[in-house]
PDB file of N, CA and C in Angstrom:
ATOM      1  N   UNK A   1       2.962  -2.310   0.732  1.00  0.00           N
ATOM      2  CA  UNK A   1       2.712  -3.063   1.936  1.00  0.00           C
ATOM      3  C   UNK A   1       1.222  -3.327   2.009  1.00  0.00           C
ATOM      4  N   UNK A   2       0.895  -4.526   2.419  1.00  0.00           N
ATOM      5  CA  UNK A   2      -0.516  -4.903   2.529  1.00  0.00           C
ATOM      6  C   UNK A   2      -0.747  -5.586   3.868  1.00  0.00           C
ATOM      7  N   UNK A   3      -2.002  -5.639   4.255  1.00  0.00           N
ATOM      8  CA  UNK A   3      -2.390  -6.378   5.449  1.00  0.00           C
ATOM      9  C   UNK A   3      -3.632  -7.187   5.100  1.00  0.00           C
ATOM     10  N   UNK A   4      -4.041  -8.010   6.005  1.00  0.00           N
ATOM     11  CA  UNK A   4      -5.174  -8.896   5.729  1.00  0.00           C
ATOM     12  C   UNK A   4      -6.505  -8.148   5.826  1.00  0.00           C
ATOM     13  N   UNK A   5      -7.515  -8.675   5.133  1.00  0.00           N
ATOM     14  CA  UNK A   5      -8.849  -8.063   5.230  1.00  0.00           C
ATOM     15  C   UNK A   5      -9.342  -8.101   6.674  1.00  0.00           C
ATOM     16  N   UNK A   6     -10.081  -7.092   7.035  1.00  0.00           N
ATOM     17  CA  UNK A   6     -10.652  -7.048   8.379  1.00  0.00           C
ATOM     18  C   UNK A   6      -9.717  -6.485   9.439  1.00  0.00           C
ATOM     19  N   UNK A   7      -8.538  -6.007   9.026  1.00  0.00           N
ATOM     20  CA  UNK A   7      -7.628  -5.397   9.994  1.00  0.00           C
ATOM     21  C   UNK A   7      -8.309  -4.152  10.565  1.00  0.00           C
ATOM     22  N   UNK A   8      -8.339  -4.022  11.888  1.00  0.00           N
ATOM     23  CA  UNK A   8      -9.004  -2.861  12.492  1.00  0.00           C
ATOM     24  C   UNK A   8      -8.450  -1.534  11.964  1.00  0.00           C
ATOM     25  N   UNK A   9      -9.352  -0.574  11.791  1.00  0.00           N
ATOM     26  CA  UNK A   9      -8.980   0.731  11.238  1.00  0.00           C
ATOM     27  C   UNK A   9      -7.824   1.379  11.991  1.00  0.00           C
ATOM     28  N   UNK A  10      -7.810   1.272  13.303  1.00  0.00           N
ATOM     29  CA  UNK A  10      -6.746   1.891  14.093  1.00  0.00           C
ATOM     30  C   UNK A  10      -5.385   1.270  13.771  1.00  0.00           C
ATOM     31  N   UNK A  11      -5.354  -0.034  13.551  1.00  0.00           N
ATOM     32  CA  UNK A  11      -4.101  -0.692  13.185  1.00  0.00           C
ATOM     33  C   UNK A  11      -3.662  -0.284  11.784  1.00  0.00           C
ATOM     34  N   UNK A  12      -4.607  -0.173  10.868  1.00  0.00           N
ATOM     35  CA  UNK A  12      -4.289   0.281   9.510  1.00  0.00           C
ATOM     36  C   UNK A  12      -3.703   1.686   9.574  1.00  0.00           C
ATOM     37  N   UNK A  13      -4.312   2.547  10.360  1.00  0.00           N
ATOM     38  CA  UNK A  13      -3.826   3.922  10.519  1.00  0.00           C
ATOM     39  C   UNK A  13      -2.403   3.928  11.070  1.00  0.00           C
ATOM     40  N   UNK A  14      -2.135   3.088  12.061  1.00  0.00           N
ATOM     41  CA  UNK A  14      -0.800   2.999  12.649  1.00  0.00           C
ATOM     42  C   UNK A  14       0.216   2.508  11.620  1.00  0.00           C
ATOM     43  N   UNK A  15      -0.130   1.465  10.883  1.00  0.00           N
ATOM     44  CA  UNK A  15       0.774   0.921   9.866  1.00  0.00           C
ATOM     45  C   UNK A  15       1.052   1.946   8.763  1.00  0.00           C
ATOM     46  N   UNK A  16       0.020   2.640   8.327  1.00  0.00           N
ATOM     47  CA  UNK A  16       0.208   3.660   7.286  1.00  0.00           C
ATOM     48  C   UNK A  16       1.114   4.778   7.767  1.00  0.00           C
ATOM     49  N   UNK A  17       0.921   5.202   8.999  1.00  0.00           N
ATOM     50  CA  UNK A  17       1.761   6.260   9.562  1.00  0.00           C
ATOM     51  C   UNK A  17       3.211   5.823   9.687  1.00  0.00           C
ATOM     52  N   UNK A  18       3.430   4.590  10.148  1.00  0.00           N
ATOM     53  CA  UNK A  18       4.793   4.074  10.292  1.00  0.00           C
ATOM     54  C   UNK A  18       5.473   3.943   8.937  1.00  0.00           C
ATOM     55  N   UNK A  19       4.733   3.476   7.949  1.00  0.00           N
ATOM     56  CA  UNK A  19       5.295   3.317   6.612  1.00  0.00           C
ATOM     57  C   UNK A  19       5.682   4.679   6.037  1.00  0.00           C
ATOM     58  N   UNK A  20       4.806   5.669   6.183  1.00  0.00           N
ATOM     59  CA  UNK A  20       5.100   7.019   5.690  1.00  0.00           C
ATOM     60  C   UNK A  20       6.319   7.594   6.399  1.00  0.00           C
ATOM     61  N   UNK A  21       6.412   7.363   7.703  1.00  0.00           N
ATOM     62  CA  UNK A  21       7.557   7.862   8.467  1.00  0.00           C
ATOM     63  C   UNK A  21       8.846   7.194   7.991  1.00  0.00           C
ATOM     64  N   UNK A  22       8.795   5.892   7.755  1.00  0.00           N
ATOM     65  CA  UNK A  22       9.978   5.170   7.284  1.00  0.00           C
ATOM     66  C   UNK A  22      10.438   5.715   5.934  1.00  0.00           C
ATOM     67  N   UNK A  23       9.481   6.009   5.047  1.00  0.00           N
ATOM     68  CA  UNK A  23       9.851   6.483   3.717  1.00  0.00           C
ATOM     69  C   UNK A  23      10.299   7.940   3.700  1.00  0.00           C
ATOM     70  N   UNK A  24      10.262   8.589   4.841  1.00  0.00           N
ATOM     71  CA  UNK A  24      10.800   9.951   4.922  1.00  0.00           C
ATOM     72  C   UNK A  24      12.120   9.972   5.700  1.00  0.00           C
ATOM     73  N   UNK A  25      12.600   8.785   6.101  1.00  0.00           N
ATOM     74  CA  UNK A  25      13.851   8.672   6.847  1.00  0.00           C
ATOM     75  C   UNK A  25      15.039   8.973   5.935  1.00  0.00           C
ATOM     76  N   UNK A  26      15.866   9.972   6.282  1.00  0.00           N
ATOM     77  CA  UNK A  26      17.001  10.346   5.430  1.00  0.00           C
ATOM     78  C   UNK A  26      17.976   9.184   5.176  1.00  0.00           C
ATOM     79  N   UNK A  27      18.205   8.346   6.164  1.00  0.00           N
ATOM     80  CA  UNK A  27      19.120   7.215   5.977  1.00  0.00           C
ATOM     81  C   UNK A  27      18.567   6.222   4.957  1.00  0.00           C
ATOM     82  N   UNK A  28      17.279   5.925   5.063  1.00  0.00           N
ATOM     83  CA  UNK A  28      16.650   5.019   4.107  1.00  0.00           C
ATOM     84  C   UNK A  28      16.693   5.607   2.705  1.00  0.00           C
ATOM     85  N   UNK A  29      16.393   6.888   2.589  1.00  0.00           N
ATOM     86  CA  UNK A  29      16.406   7.544   1.281  1.00  0.00           C
ATOM     87  C   UNK A  29      17.810   7.565   0.682  1.00  0.00           C
ATOM     88  N   UNK A  30      18.821   7.806   1.521  1.00  0.00           N
ATOM     89  CA  UNK A  30      20.207   7.805   1.039  1.00  0.00           C
ATOM     90  C   UNK A  30      20.615   6.419   0.567  1.00  0.00           C
ATOM     91  N   UNK A  31      20.229   5.395   1.315  1.00  0.00           N
ATOM     92  CA  UNK A  31      20.548   4.026   0.913  1.00  0.00           C
ATOM     93  C   UNK A  31      19.852   3.662  -0.395  1.00  0.00           C
ATOM     94  N   UNK A  32      18.602   4.046  -0.529  1.00  0.00           N
ATOM     95  CA  UNK A  32      17.869   3.773  -1.768  1.00  0.00           C
ATOM     96  C   UNK A  32      18.530   4.477  -2.948  1.00  0.00           C
ATOM     97  N   UNK A  33      18.930   5.727  -2.750  1.00  0.00           N
ATOM     98  CA  UNK A  33      19.579   6.484  -3.819  1.00  0.00           C
ATOM     99  C   UNK A  33      20.900   5.830  -4.211  1.00  0.00           C
ATOM    100  N   UNK A  34      21.664   5.378  -3.214  1.00  0.00           N
ATOM    101  CA  UNK A  34      22.944   4.722  -3.482  1.00  0.00           C
ATOM    102  C   UNK A  34      22.755   3.442  -4.297  1.00  0.00           C
ATOM    103  N   UNK A  35      21.598   2.822  -4.167  1.00  0.00           N
ATOM    104  CA  UNK A  35      21.304   1.584  -4.897  1.00  0.00           C
ATOM    105  C   UNK A  35      20.460   1.857  -6.143  1.00  0.00           C
ATOM    106  N   UNK A  36      20.368   3.120  -6.524  1.00  0.00           N
ATOM    107  CA  UNK A  36      19.595   3.548  -7.697  1.00  0.00           C
ATOM    108  C   UNK A  36      18.137   3.105  -7.620  1.00  0.00           C
ATOM    109  N   UNK A  37      17.590   3.158  -6.417  1.00  0.00           N
ATOM    110  CA  UNK A  37      16.188   2.806  -6.209  1.00  0.00           C
ATOM    111  C   UNK A  37      15.382   4.091  -6.024  1.00  0.00           C
ATOM    112  N   UNK A  38      14.243   4.141  -6.661  1.00  0.00           N
ATOM    113  CA  UNK A  38      13.366   5.295  -6.532  1.00  0.00           C
ATOM    114  C   UNK A  38      12.372   5.054  -5.406  1.00  0.00           C
ATOM    115  N   UNK A  39      12.257   6.008  -4.508  1.00  0.00           N
ATOM    116  CA  UNK A  39      11.320   5.906  -3.388  1.00  0.00           C
ATOM    117  C   UNK A  39      10.274   6.998  -3.555  1.00  0.00           C
ATOM    118  N   UNK A  40       9.019   6.575  -3.653  1.00  0.00           N
ATOM    119  CA  UNK A  40       7.931   7.533  -3.824  1.00  0.00           C
ATOM    120  C   UNK A  40       6.724   7.012  -3.046  1.00  0.00           C
ATOM    121  N   UNK A  41       6.329   7.720  -2.026  1.00  0.00           N
ATOM    122  CA  UNK A  41       5.212   7.292  -1.193  1.00  0.00           C
ATOM    123  C   UNK A  41       3.884   7.548  -1.895  1.00  0.00           C
ATOM    124  N   UNK A  42       3.110   6.497  -2.006  1.00  0.00           N
ATOM    125  CA  UNK A  42       1.714   6.616  -2.429  1.00  0.00           C
ATOM    126  C   UNK A  42       0.910   6.156  -1.219  1.00  0.00           C
ATOM    127  N   UNK A  43       0.095   7.032  -0.687  1.00  0.00           N
ATOM    128  CA  UNK A  43      -0.609   6.720   0.557  1.00  0.00           C
ATOM    129  C   UNK A  43      -1.642   5.618   0.365  1.00  0.00           C
ATOM    130  N   UNK A  44      -1.976   4.961   1.460  1.00  0.00           N
ATOM    131  CA  UNK A  44      -3.010   3.932   1.439  1.00  0.00           C
ATOM    132  C   UNK A  44      -4.341   4.490   0.975  1.00  0.00           C
ATOM    133  N   UNK A  45      -4.626   5.711   1.376  1.00  0.00           N
ATOM    134  CA  UNK A  45      -5.872   6.353   0.949  1.00  0.00           C
ATOM    135  C   UNK A  45      -5.889   6.545  -0.565  1.00  0.00           C
ATOM    136  N   UNK A  46      -4.749   6.991  -1.108  1.00  0.00           N
ATOM    137  CA  UNK A  46      -4.658   7.173  -2.561  1.00  0.00           C
ATOM    138  C   UNK A  46      -4.788   5.842  -3.302  1.00  0.00           C
ATOM    139  N   UNK A  47      -4.161   4.804  -2.772  1.00  0.00           N
ATOM    140  CA  UNK A  47      -4.255   3.487  -3.401  1.00  0.00           C
ATOM    141  C   UNK A  47      -5.682   2.943  -3.350  1.00  0.00           C
ATOM    142  N   UNK A  48      -6.365   3.169  -2.234  1.00  0.00           N
ATOM    143  CA  UNK A  48      -7.754   2.711  -2.117  1.00  0.00           C
ATOM    144  C   UNK A  48      -8.634   3.406  -3.154  1.00  0.00           C
ATOM    145  N   UNK A  49      -8.419   4.705  -3.347  1.00  0.00           N
ATOM    146  CA  UNK A  49      -9.170   5.452  -4.354  1.00  0.00           C
ATOM    147  C   UNK A  49      -8.849   4.933  -5.749  1.00  0.00           C
ATOM    148  N   UNK A  50      -7.578   4.725  -6.027  1.00  0.00           N
ATOM    149  CA  UNK A  50      -7.151   4.220  -7.330  1.00  0.00           C
ATOM    150  C   UNK A  50      -7.739   2.842  -7.612  1.00  0.00           C
ATOM    151  N   UNK A  51      -7.752   1.987  -6.601  1.00  0.00           N
ATOM    152  CA  UNK A  51      -8.278   0.631  -6.772  1.00  0.00           C
ATOM    153  C   UNK A  51      -9.749   0.657  -7.176  1.00  0.00           C
ATOM    154  N   UNK A  52     -10.487   1.649  -6.710  1.00  0.00           N
ATOM    155  CA  UNK A  52     -11.903   1.757  -7.067  1.00  0.00           C
ATOM    156  C   UNK A  52     -12.090   2.256  -8.499  1.00  0.00           C
ATOM    157  N   UNK A  53     -11.062   2.920  -9.048  1.00  0.00           N
ATOM    158  CA  UNK A  53     -11.159   3.489 -10.385  1.00  0.00           C
ATOM    159  C   UNK A  53     -10.681   2.537 -11.480  1.00  0.00           C
ATOM    160  N   UNK A  54      -9.871   1.575 -11.121  1.00  0.00           N
ATOM    161  CA  UNK A  54      -9.289   0.668 -12.109  1.00  0.00           C
ATOM    162  C   UNK A  54     -10.345  -0.338 -12.554  1.00  0.00           C
ATOM    163  N   UNK A  55     -10.464  -0.499 -13.859  1.00  0.00           N
ATOM    164  CA  UNK A  55     -11.434  -1.437 -14.423  1.00  0.00           C
ATOM    165  C   UNK A  55     -10.703  -2.727 -14.770  1.00  0.00           C
ATOM    166  N   UNK A  56     -11.180  -3.835 -14.216  1.00  0.00           N
ATOM    167  CA  UNK A  56     -10.592  -5.146 -14.456  1.00  0.00           C
ATOM    168  C   UNK A  56     -11.678  -6.091 -14.962  1.00  0.00           C
ATOM    169  N   UNK A  57     -11.278  -7.113 -15.722  1.00  0.00           N
ATOM    170  CA  UNK A  57     -12.259  -8.114 -16.153  1.00  0.00           C
ATOM    171  C   UNK A  57     -12.902  -8.789 -14.944  1.00  0.00           C
ATOM    172  N   UNK A  58     -14.165  -9.180 -15.049  1.00  0.00           N
ATOM    173  CA  UNK A  58     -14.882  -9.782 -13.918  1.00  0.00           C
ATOM    174  C   UNK A  58     -14.165 -10.988 -13.304  1.00  0.00           C
ATOM    175  N   UNK A  59     -13.502 -11.817 -14.122  1.00  0.00           N
ATOM    176  CA  UNK A  59     -12.820 -12.991 -13.566  1.00  0.00           C
ATOM    177  C   UNK A  59     -11.636 -12.583 -12.688  1.00  0.00           C
ATOM    178  N   UNK A  60     -10.970 -11.490 -13.003  1.00  0.00           N
ATOM    179  CA  UNK A  60      -9.865 -10.992 -12.173  1.00  0.00           C
ATOM    180  C   UNK A  60     -10.423 -10.457 -10.863  1.00  0.00           C
ATOM    181  N   UNK A  61     -11.503  -9.694 -10.951  1.00  0.00           N
ATOM    182  CA  UNK A  61     -12.143  -9.153  -9.748  1.00  0.00           C
ATOM    183  C   UNK A  61     -12.570 -10.298  -8.835  1.00  0.00           C
ATOM    184  N   UNK A  62     -13.139 -11.339  -9.389  1.00  0.00           N
ATOM    185  CA  UNK A  62     -13.584 -12.494  -8.610  1.00  0.00           C
ATOM    186  C   UNK A  62     -12.400 -13.155  -7.902  1.00  0.00           C
ATOM    187  N   UNK A  63     -11.304 -13.345  -8.606  1.00  0.00           N
ATOM    188  CA  UNK A  63     -10.121 -13.972  -8.013  1.00  0.00           C
ATOM    189  C   UNK A  63      -9.557 -13.119  -6.884  1.00  0.00           C
ATOM    190  N   UNK A  64      -9.496 -11.820  -7.092  1.00  0.00           N
ATOM    191  CA  UNK A  64      -8.976 -10.925  -6.056  1.00  0.00           C
ATOM    192  C   UNK A  64      -9.866 -10.939  -4.827  1.00  0.00           C
ATOM    193  N   UNK A  65     -11.176 -10.952  -5.042  1.00  0.00           N
ATOM    194  CA  UNK A  65     -12.111 -11.000  -3.906  1.00  0.00           C
ATOM    195  C   UNK A  65     -11.916 -12.278  -3.108  1.00  0.00           C
ATOM    196  N   UNK A  66     -11.711 -13.398  -3.777  1.00  0.00           N
ATOM    197  CA  UNK A  66     -11.453 -14.655  -3.074  1.00  0.00           C
ATOM    198  C   UNK A  66     -10.180 -14.554  -2.246  1.00  0.00           C
ATOM    199  N   UNK A  67      -9.130 -13.971  -2.837  1.00  0.00           N
ATOM    200  CA  UNK A  67      -7.870 -13.816  -2.120  1.00  0.00           C
ATOM    201  C   UNK A  67      -8.006 -12.915  -0.896  1.00  0.00           C
ATOM    202  N   UNK A  68      -8.900 -11.926  -1.002  1.00  0.00           N
ATOM    203  CA  UNK A  68      -9.090 -10.973   0.092  1.00  0.00           C
ATOM    204  C   UNK A  68     -10.131 -11.463   1.105  1.00  0.00           C
ATOM    205  N   UNK A  69     -10.697 -12.621   0.854  1.00  0.00           N
ATOM    206  CA  UNK A  69     -11.658 -13.175   1.819  1.00  0.00           C
ATOM    207  C   UNK A  69     -13.041 -12.579   1.733  1.00  0.00           C
ATOM    208  N   UNK A  70     -13.373 -11.996   0.626  1.00  0.00           N
ATOM    209  CA  UNK A  70     -14.711 -11.395   0.468  1.00  0.00           C
ATOM    210  C   UNK A  70     -15.681 -12.375  -0.153  1.00  0.00           C
TER     211      UNK A  70
END
């Protein structure tokens, strides 16, 4: 799940919490299992850290920055 650049921190926190809560819902997990879908929560904080560690060619970084409004 993603949101637009500049989303206020409090809204990001709310969205992350809701997403984590949804992915711990037993009904959702049972439905995913019945459909042979794997559900594994990777937190927004973990993804942000990972994004800083991944090395991409400069042209890819430039394109992503344009998409993110930077």
